[in-house]
Amino acid sequence: MSAKRAIFEEVGADRPREKAAGGMIDAKPRGARRAIRAWLMVLFALVAVMIAVGGLTRLTDSGLSITEWRPVTGALPPMNEAAWTSEFEKYRQIPEYQLQNKGMTLAEFKGIYWWEWGHRQLGRVIGLVWALGFLGFLLARKIPPGWTGRLLAVGALGGVQGAVGWWMVSSGLTGTALDVASYRLATHLGIAFVILGLIAWYVFLLGRSEKELMQARRSREPRLVRLSGVLIGAAFLQILLGALVAGIDAGRAFPQWPLMAGGLLPPDPFTITPLWRNFFEDAGLVQFMHRTWGYVVFALGIYAFVRARRSPHKATRFAFHAVLAMMFIQMLLGIGTVLYQAPWQIAIVHQVGAVALWVLIVRARHLSRFPRAASLRG
């Protein structure tokens, strides 16, 4: 509180003025936002490659070649002929070898072993990059306020993903199973996309200052925020359905489009008992669900595109335009995958396309919540 003036004091006399206290919006940025963003971008690239390598591991039927979960000692591959023979002998005990690959040579086994070893090794690299980065920023006290929990969550999900990966692999090591359980594969892929989406969201946030984000929040477009949220949920369900298709090789079942064996529905879609198993194990029904939900997602993309055209923000409009364009490409890739009975060359591009579409939808949601200001001329 300022002191009282004397009765005869000149009004214009020099007096020290109190400096107005600045608010949060004027505060200096804290933490190494740029460095953390760069680290997250490296993690994003590694996770994206991990998803592609995982897809190739599945497409080459290599996922069951390593029959043990050794998070630390498994980092080293077999180093001599005796070690290779031991690994091969373990593989020969599981149903996939006995019912499908009986007579496989050691050289052929090495071919599938390297895919699975590379997939697991990449997972270890991702964990190491996260741990070194997180601990480094934490010890240096360079993490911005409110970000410690977010960055820790990424690492925790990575740890869960490793455990789920083994839970998935273990489902194909006993009984009469030739592959891993499709619903476990869907869980494994779903967590990977959750991790990828979180990292992408954090990269978008850290790409702008707190001041800019606080100002942009005032211009958010609630309808587009809700619509993009629905689109994210719909796309995520489609990704899970795609994993179910891959898990039982349903993409090779009906190489026709738009019909299936001459009809809208696949023939005899509910022959497995109990009834619920058909939604996971019947190739025709699983492919039908993936196709049909794809149409729903595409229709939502068109609706979002039309609504986004009313946005006053150019960057937001362009983000939703990019989503629709990628949806169209992804639809063509899906049709091609079905017509050519899922060759690995087309199938893996289709999976990478899902990654691109997922990130574009996350970006559209970000710009709906935090629009970028443009000049009047722009």
Protein backbone atom coordinates (compact mmCIF):
# COMPACT_ATOMS: atom_id res chain seq x y z
CA MET A 1 0.00 0.00 0.00
CA SER A 2 1.47 3.41 -0.99
CA ALA A 3 2.31 5.98 1.76
CA LYS A 4 0.08 9.09 2.37
CA ARG A 5 1.13 12.35 0.74
CA ALA A 6 1.90 15.48 2.76
CA ILE A 7 -0.65 18.32 2.50
CA PHE A 8 1.69 20.72 0.63
CA GLU A 9 3.58 18.08 -1.40
CA GLU A 10 3.88 18.74 -5.10
CA VAL A 11 1.83 16.27 -7.04
CA GLY A 12 4.53 15.89 -9.70
CA ALA A 13 7.35 15.28 -7.25
CA ASP A 14 9.56 12.32 -8.03
CA ARG A 15 8.54 9.31 -6.06
CA PRO A 16 9.48 5.65 -6.45
CA ARG A 17 6.65 3.79 -8.14
CA GLU A 18 5.58 0.31 -7.24
CA LYS A 19 6.07 -2.20 -10.06
CA ALA A 20 2.96 -4.15 -11.00
CA ALA A 21 3.22 -7.82 -10.30
CA GLY A 22 3.18 -9.98 -13.42
CA GLY A 23 0.76 -12.86 -13.87
CA MET A 24 1.35 -16.41 -15.06
CA ILE A 25 1.05 -15.38 -18.67
CA ASP A 26 4.04 -13.03 -18.26
CA ALA A 27 6.19 -15.52 -16.37
CA LYS A 28 9.44 -16.61 -17.93
CA PRO A 29 9.42 -20.15 -19.32
CA ARG A 30 10.82 -22.72 -16.90
CA GLY A 31 12.44 -26.00 -17.83
CA ALA A 32 14.20 -27.20 -20.96
CA ARG A 33 11.12 -27.31 -23.18
CA ARG A 34 13.08 -27.46 -26.44
CA ALA A 35 15.43 -30.20 -25.27
CA ILE A 36 12.60 -32.29 -23.83
CA ARG A 37 10.65 -31.85 -27.06
CA ALA A 38 13.63 -33.07 -29.09
CA TRP A 39 14.02 -36.08 -26.78
CA LEU A 40 10.30 -36.90 -27.16
CA MET A 41 10.58 -36.63 -30.94
CA VAL A 42 13.35 -39.25 -30.86
CA LEU A 43 11.10 -41.48 -28.73
CA PHE A 44 8.23 -40.89 -31.15
CA ALA A 45 10.35 -42.00 -34.11
CA LEU A 46 11.52 -45.10 -32.22
CA VAL A 47 7.97 -46.10 -31.25
CA ALA A 48 6.77 -45.59 -34.84
CA VAL A 49 9.58 -47.84 -36.09
CA MET A 50 8.73 -50.32 -33.32
CA ILE A 51 5.14 -50.56 -34.58
CA ALA A 52 6.37 -51.18 -38.14
CA VAL A 53 8.89 -53.81 -37.01
CA GLY A 54 6.19 -55.46 -34.89
CA GLY A 55 3.95 -55.61 -37.94
CA LEU A 56 6.68 -57.22 -40.02
CA THR A 57 7.40 -59.67 -37.21
CA ARG A 58 3.76 -60.71 -37.32
CA LEU A 59 3.58 -60.82 -41.13
CA THR A 60 6.67 -63.06 -41.32
CA ASP A 61 5.33 -65.41 -38.60
CA SER A 62 8.39 -64.68 -36.47
CA GLY A 63 6.76 -63.70 -33.19
CA LEU A 64 7.02 -67.10 -31.51
CA SER A 65 10.63 -67.83 -32.44
CA ILE A 66 11.89 -66.78 -28.98
CA THR A 67 10.09 -68.85 -26.37
CA GLU A 68 11.40 -67.20 -23.20
CA TRP A 69 11.09 -63.76 -21.65
CA ARG A 70 14.51 -62.60 -20.55
CA PRO A 71 14.39 -58.77 -20.35
CA VAL A 72 18.10 -58.45 -19.47
CA THR A 73 20.01 -61.55 -20.59
CA GLY A 74 17.93 -61.82 -23.74
CA ALA A 75 19.62 -58.70 -25.09
CA LEU A 76 22.43 -60.91 -26.36
CA PRO A 77 21.60 -63.22 -29.28
CA PRO A 78 23.06 -66.73 -29.58
CA MET A 79 26.82 -66.33 -29.98
CA ASN A 80 27.82 -69.82 -31.16
CA GLU A 81 26.43 -72.89 -32.87
CA ALA A 82 25.61 -74.61 -29.58
CA ALA A 83 23.54 -71.63 -28.44
CA TRP A 84 21.69 -71.54 -31.77
CA THR A 85 20.94 -75.24 -31.51
CA SER A 86 19.58 -74.75 -27.99
CA GLU A 87 17.26 -71.93 -29.11
CA PHE A 88 16.08 -73.98 -32.07
CA GLU A 89 15.36 -76.95 -29.85
CA LYS A 90 13.14 -74.78 -27.62
CA TYR A 91 11.24 -73.59 -30.67
CA ARG A 92 10.72 -77.17 -31.85
CA GLN A 93 8.73 -77.90 -28.67
CA ILE A 94 5.93 -75.39 -29.38
CA PRO A 95 2.79 -76.04 -31.48
CA GLU A 96 3.77 -73.62 -34.28
CA TYR A 97 6.75 -75.78 -35.22
CA GLN A 98 5.06 -79.13 -34.70
CA LEU A 99 1.85 -78.26 -36.59
CA GLN A 100 3.07 -75.76 -39.16
CA ASN A 101 6.84 -75.58 -39.55
CA LYS A 102 7.90 -79.18 -38.98
CA GLY A 103 11.09 -79.85 -40.89
CA MET A 104 12.32 -76.25 -40.72
CA THR A 105 16.11 -75.99 -40.96
CA LEU A 106 18.33 -74.12 -38.53
CA ALA A 107 19.08 -71.54 -41.23
CA GLU A 108 15.36 -70.90 -41.73
CA PHE A 109 14.90 -70.62 -37.98
CA LYS A 110 17.59 -67.96 -37.80
CA GLY A 111 15.63 -65.90 -40.33
CA ILE A 112 12.55 -65.66 -38.12
CA TYR A 113 14.59 -65.45 -34.91
CA TRP A 114 16.31 -62.22 -36.00
CA TRP A 115 12.96 -60.49 -36.61
CA GLU A 116 11.69 -61.23 -33.10
CA TRP A 117 15.06 -60.48 -31.51
CA GLY A 118 15.19 -57.15 -33.35
CA HIS A 119 11.67 -56.31 -32.19
CA ARG A 120 12.55 -57.01 -28.57
CA GLN A 121 15.90 -55.26 -28.85
CA LEU A 122 14.21 -52.13 -30.17
CA GLY A 123 11.94 -52.23 -27.14
CA ARG A 124 15.00 -52.26 -24.89
CA VAL A 125 16.48 -49.30 -26.80
CA ILE A 126 13.27 -47.33 -26.34
CA GLY A 127 13.28 -48.06 -22.61
CA LEU A 128 16.90 -47.00 -22.32
CA VAL A 129 16.37 -43.76 -24.27
CA TRP A 130 13.39 -42.91 -22.07
CA ALA A 131 15.21 -43.72 -18.82
CA LEU A 132 18.37 -41.77 -19.68
CA GLY A 133 16.40 -38.76 -20.85
CA PHE A 134 13.95 -38.71 -17.96
CA LEU A 135 16.57 -39.19 -15.25
CA GLY A 136 18.88 -36.68 -16.91
CA PHE A 137 16.25 -33.94 -17.04
CA LEU A 138 15.01 -34.82 -13.55
CA LEU A 139 18.45 -34.66 -11.92
CA ALA A 140 19.26 -31.44 -13.77
CA ARG A 141 15.92 -29.99 -12.63
CA LYS A 142 15.07 -29.06 -16.19
CA ILE A 143 11.57 -30.55 -16.31
CA PRO A 144 8.92 -27.79 -16.54
CA PRO A 145 6.34 -27.59 -13.73
CA GLY A 146 3.55 -30.11 -14.20
CA TRP A 147 5.47 -32.28 -16.65
CA THR A 148 7.16 -34.83 -14.37
CA GLY A 149 4.06 -37.00 -14.08
CA ARG A 150 3.38 -36.82 -17.80
CA LEU A 151 6.86 -37.94 -18.77
CA LEU A 152 6.86 -40.63 -16.09
CA ALA A 153 3.56 -41.96 -17.49
CA VAL A 154 5.18 -42.53 -20.87
CA GLY A 155 7.86 -44.72 -19.28
CA ALA A 156 5.34 -46.57 -17.11
CA LEU A 157 3.24 -47.40 -20.17
CA GLY A 158 6.38 -48.65 -21.88
CA GLY A 159 7.01 -51.02 -18.98
CA VAL A 160 3.42 -52.26 -19.12
CA GLN A 161 3.83 -52.76 -22.86
CA GLY A 162 6.80 -55.06 -22.32
CA ALA A 163 4.82 -57.23 -19.91
CA VAL A 164 1.81 -57.30 -22.25
CA GLY A 165 4.13 -58.31 -25.09
CA TRP A 166 5.19 -61.43 -23.20
CA TRP A 167 1.57 -62.10 -22.15
CA MET A 168 0.75 -62.03 -25.86
CA VAL A 169 3.63 -64.31 -26.91
CA SER A 170 2.90 -66.83 -24.15
CA SER A 171 -0.56 -67.44 -25.59
CA GLY A 172 0.99 -69.11 -28.62
CA LEU A 173 3.44 -71.40 -26.84
CA THR A 174 1.04 -74.08 -25.56
CA GLY A 175 -2.00 -76.04 -26.64
CA THR A 176 -2.78 -76.15 -30.36
CA ALA A 177 -2.35 -72.45 -31.11
CA LEU A 178 -0.38 -71.61 -34.26
CA ASP A 179 -0.37 -67.88 -33.47
CA VAL A 180 -0.77 -65.59 -30.50
CA ALA A 181 -4.29 -64.84 -29.23
CA SER A 182 -5.77 -62.12 -31.42
CA TYR A 183 -7.28 -60.16 -28.52
CA ARG A 184 -3.87 -60.08 -26.82
CA LEU A 185 -2.31 -58.85 -30.04
CA ALA A 186 -4.98 -56.11 -30.16
CA THR A 187 -4.15 -55.12 -26.58
CA HIS A 188 -0.44 -54.96 -27.40
CA LEU A 189 -0.98 -52.82 -30.49
CA GLY A 190 -3.52 -50.63 -28.72
CA ILE A 191 -1.07 -49.71 -25.96
CA ALA A 192 1.56 -48.90 -28.60
CA PHE A 193 -0.81 -46.41 -30.23
CA VAL A 194 -1.72 -44.90 -26.86
CA ILE A 195 1.98 -44.31 -26.17
CA LEU A 196 2.48 -42.85 -29.64
CA GLY A 197 -0.53 -40.55 -29.25
CA LEU A 198 0.62 -39.31 -25.85
CA ILE A 199 4.12 -38.53 -27.13
CA ALA A 200 2.69 -36.73 -30.18
CA TRP A 201 0.39 -34.65 -27.96
CA TYR A 202 3.28 -33.67 -25.69
CA VAL A 203 5.44 -32.75 -28.70
CA PHE A 204 2.67 -30.46 -29.96
CA LEU A 205 2.30 -28.84 -26.53
CA LEU A 206 6.02 -28.28 -26.07
CA GLY A 207 6.28 -26.80 -29.54
CA ARG A 208 4.51 -23.70 -28.26
CA SER A 209 5.17 -21.55 -25.21
CA GLU A 210 2.93 -21.62 -22.15
CA LYS A 211 1.98 -18.01 -22.87
CA GLU A 212 0.89 -18.88 -26.41
CA LEU A 213 -1.07 -21.92 -25.23
CA MET A 214 -2.91 -19.91 -22.56
CA GLN A 215 -3.87 -17.28 -25.10
CA ALA A 216 -4.87 -19.87 -27.72
CA ARG A 217 -7.09 -21.70 -25.23
CA ARG A 218 -9.45 -18.72 -25.21
CA SER A 219 -10.14 -19.30 -28.91
CA ARG A 220 -10.72 -23.05 -28.71
CA GLU A 221 -13.55 -24.48 -30.76
CA PRO A 222 -15.57 -26.79 -28.46
CA ARG A 223 -17.50 -28.50 -31.26
CA LEU A 224 -14.35 -29.45 -33.14
CA VAL A 225 -12.72 -30.55 -29.89
CA ARG A 226 -15.62 -32.92 -29.20
CA LEU A 227 -15.74 -34.11 -32.80
CA SER A 228 -12.01 -34.81 -32.92
CA GLY A 229 -12.36 -36.71 -29.64
CA VAL A 230 -15.03 -38.92 -31.20
CA LEU A 231 -12.79 -39.38 -34.23
CA ILE A 232 -9.88 -40.48 -32.03
CA GLY A 233 -12.08 -43.05 -30.30
CA ALA A 234 -13.44 -44.36 -33.61
CA ALA A 235 -9.96 -44.60 -35.13
CA PHE A 236 -8.63 -46.40 -32.05
CA LEU A 237 -11.39 -49.01 -32.29
CA GLN A 238 -10.56 -49.48 -35.97
CA ILE A 239 -6.91 -50.05 -35.06
CA LEU A 240 -7.94 -52.74 -32.57
CA LEU A 241 -10.15 -54.39 -35.19
CA GLY A 242 -7.21 -54.32 -37.59
CA ALA A 243 -5.14 -56.15 -34.99
CA LEU A 244 -7.84 -58.80 -34.71
CA VAL A 245 -7.72 -59.20 -38.50
CA ALA A 246 -3.94 -59.60 -38.41
CA GLY A 247 -4.08 -61.98 -35.46
CA ILE A 248 -6.03 -64.65 -37.36
CA ASP A 249 -4.91 -63.74 -40.92
CA ALA A 250 -8.48 -62.70 -41.71
CA GLY A 251 -7.22 -60.30 -44.38
CA ARG A 252 -6.64 -63.27 -46.67
CA ALA A 253 -10.09 -64.80 -46.21
CA PHE A 254 -12.27 -62.93 -48.73
CA PRO A 255 -10.28 -61.24 -51.53
CA GLN A 256 -13.27 -59.33 -52.94
CA TRP A 257 -14.60 -55.81 -52.49
CA PRO A 258 -17.15 -54.38 -51.77
CA LEU A 259 -18.92 -57.73 -51.38
CA MET A 260 -17.76 -60.79 -49.47
CA ALA A 261 -18.27 -64.09 -51.34
CA GLY A 262 -20.96 -62.37 -53.40
CA GLY A 263 -22.93 -61.00 -50.45
CA LEU A 264 -22.92 -58.14 -47.99
CA LEU A 265 -22.25 -60.54 -45.10
CA PRO A 266 -19.68 -63.36 -45.08
CA PRO A 267 -21.22 -66.85 -45.27
CA ASP A 268 -21.93 -68.62 -41.96
CA PRO A 269 -20.56 -65.91 -39.64
CA PHE A 270 -21.69 -67.54 -36.35
CA THR A 271 -20.59 -71.16 -36.50
CA ILE A 272 -18.17 -71.09 -33.54
CA THR A 273 -19.44 -71.75 -30.02
CA PRO A 274 -19.78 -70.00 -27.69
CA LEU A 275 -21.18 -67.11 -29.72
CA TRP A 276 -18.75 -64.44 -28.49
CA ARG A 277 -15.74 -66.28 -29.93
CA ASN A 278 -16.95 -65.55 -33.47
CA PHE A 279 -16.14 -61.86 -32.98
CA PHE A 280 -12.50 -62.79 -32.35
CA GLU A 281 -11.91 -66.00 -34.28
CA ASP A 282 -14.22 -66.15 -37.32
CA ALA A 283 -12.16 -64.75 -40.22
CA GLY A 284 -15.16 -63.61 -42.24
CA LEU A 285 -16.90 -61.85 -39.37
CA VAL A 286 -13.70 -60.17 -38.13
CA GLN A 287 -12.91 -58.88 -41.61
CA PHE A 288 -16.52 -57.70 -42.01
CA MET A 289 -16.32 -55.73 -38.74
CA HIS A 290 -13.05 -54.12 -39.83
CA ARG A 291 -14.51 -53.17 -43.21
CA THR A 292 -17.78 -51.84 -41.82
CA TRP A 293 -16.23 -49.79 -39.05
CA GLY A 294 -13.82 -48.38 -41.63
CA TYR A 295 -16.82 -46.94 -43.48
CA VAL A 296 -18.06 -45.39 -40.23
CA VAL A 297 -14.65 -43.79 -39.53
CA PHE A 298 -14.50 -42.45 -43.09
CA ALA A 299 -17.99 -40.96 -42.76
CA LEU A 300 -16.95 -39.29 -39.48
CA GLY A 301 -13.88 -37.92 -41.25
CA ILE A 302 -16.04 -36.36 -43.97
CA TYR A 303 -18.36 -34.83 -41.36
CA ALA A 304 -15.38 -33.42 -39.43
CA PHE A 305 -13.97 -32.01 -42.66
CA VAL A 306 -17.24 -30.22 -43.43
CA ARG A 307 -17.52 -28.78 -39.91
CA ALA A 308 -13.88 -27.73 -39.86
CA ARG A 309 -14.36 -25.68 -43.04
CA ARG A 310 -16.28 -23.18 -40.89
CA SER A 311 -13.30 -22.68 -38.57
CA PRO A 312 -11.83 -19.16 -38.70
CA HIS A 313 -8.36 -20.64 -38.18
CA LYS A 314 -6.47 -21.67 -41.29
CA ALA A 315 -4.18 -24.15 -39.52
CA THR A 316 -7.17 -25.93 -37.97
CA ARG A 317 -8.94 -26.20 -41.30
CA PHE A 318 -5.82 -27.60 -42.95
CA ALA A 319 -5.35 -30.14 -40.12
CA PHE A 320 -8.80 -31.64 -40.73
CA HIS A 321 -8.25 -31.56 -44.49
CA ALA A 322 -5.08 -33.61 -43.96
CA VAL A 323 -7.02 -36.11 -41.84
CA LEU A 324 -9.57 -36.68 -44.60
CA ALA A 325 -6.85 -37.02 -47.26
CA MET A 326 -5.01 -39.63 -45.19
CA MET A 327 -8.28 -41.47 -44.55
CA PHE A 328 -8.83 -41.75 -48.28
CA ILE A 329 -5.31 -43.11 -48.81
CA GLN A 330 -5.75 -45.54 -45.92
CA MET A 331 -9.05 -46.77 -47.35
CA LEU A 332 -7.40 -47.47 -50.71
CA LEU A 333 -4.57 -49.32 -48.95
CA GLY A 334 -7.10 -51.40 -47.03
CA ILE A 335 -8.96 -52.35 -50.20
CA GLY A 336 -5.67 -53.26 -51.88
CA THR A 337 -4.66 -55.38 -48.90
CA VAL A 338 -7.91 -57.36 -49.17
CA LEU A 339 -7.88 -57.75 -52.97
CA TYR A 340 -4.30 -59.03 -53.03
CA GLN A 341 -4.81 -61.22 -49.93
CA ALA A 342 -2.62 -59.25 -47.57
CA PRO A 343 0.91 -59.49 -49.02
CA TRP A 344 3.36 -58.15 -46.48
CA GLN A 345 4.46 -55.30 -48.76
CA ILE A 346 0.96 -53.78 -48.89
CA ALA A 347 -0.07 -54.84 -45.38
CA ILE A 348 2.86 -53.07 -43.71
CA VAL A 349 2.21 -49.86 -45.66
CA HIS A 350 -1.40 -50.09 -44.47
CA GLN A 351 -0.18 -50.34 -40.87
CA VAL A 352 2.20 -47.41 -41.28
CA GLY A 353 -0.71 -45.49 -42.79
CA ALA A 354 -2.63 -46.10 -39.56
CA VAL A 355 0.24 -44.48 -37.63
CA ALA A 356 0.17 -41.42 -39.92
CA LEU A 357 -3.62 -41.09 -39.66
CA TRP A 358 -3.53 -41.47 -35.88
CA VAL A 359 -1.01 -38.65 -35.47
CA LEU A 360 -2.91 -36.39 -37.89
CA ILE A 361 -6.11 -36.82 -35.86
CA VAL A 362 -4.24 -36.05 -32.63
CA ARG A 363 -2.82 -32.92 -34.31
CA ALA A 364 -6.28 -31.82 -35.46
CA ARG A 365 -7.56 -32.16 -31.90
CA HIS A 366 -4.62 -30.15 -30.58
CA LEU A 367 -5.30 -27.30 -33.00
CA SER A 368 -9.00 -27.39 -32.11
CA ARG A 369 -8.11 -26.82 -28.45
CA PHE A 370 -5.21 -24.46 -29.09
CA PRO A 371 -5.82 -22.67 -32.43
CA ARG A 372 -2.92 -20.88 -34.05
CA ALA A 373 -3.50 -17.17 -34.44
CA ALA A 374 -3.22 -15.83 -37.99
CA SER A 375 -2.96 -12.32 -39.34
CA LEU A 376 -6.04 -10.69 -40.88
CA ARG A 377 -4.43 -11.00 -44.28
CA GLY A 378 -3.74 -14.69 -43.67
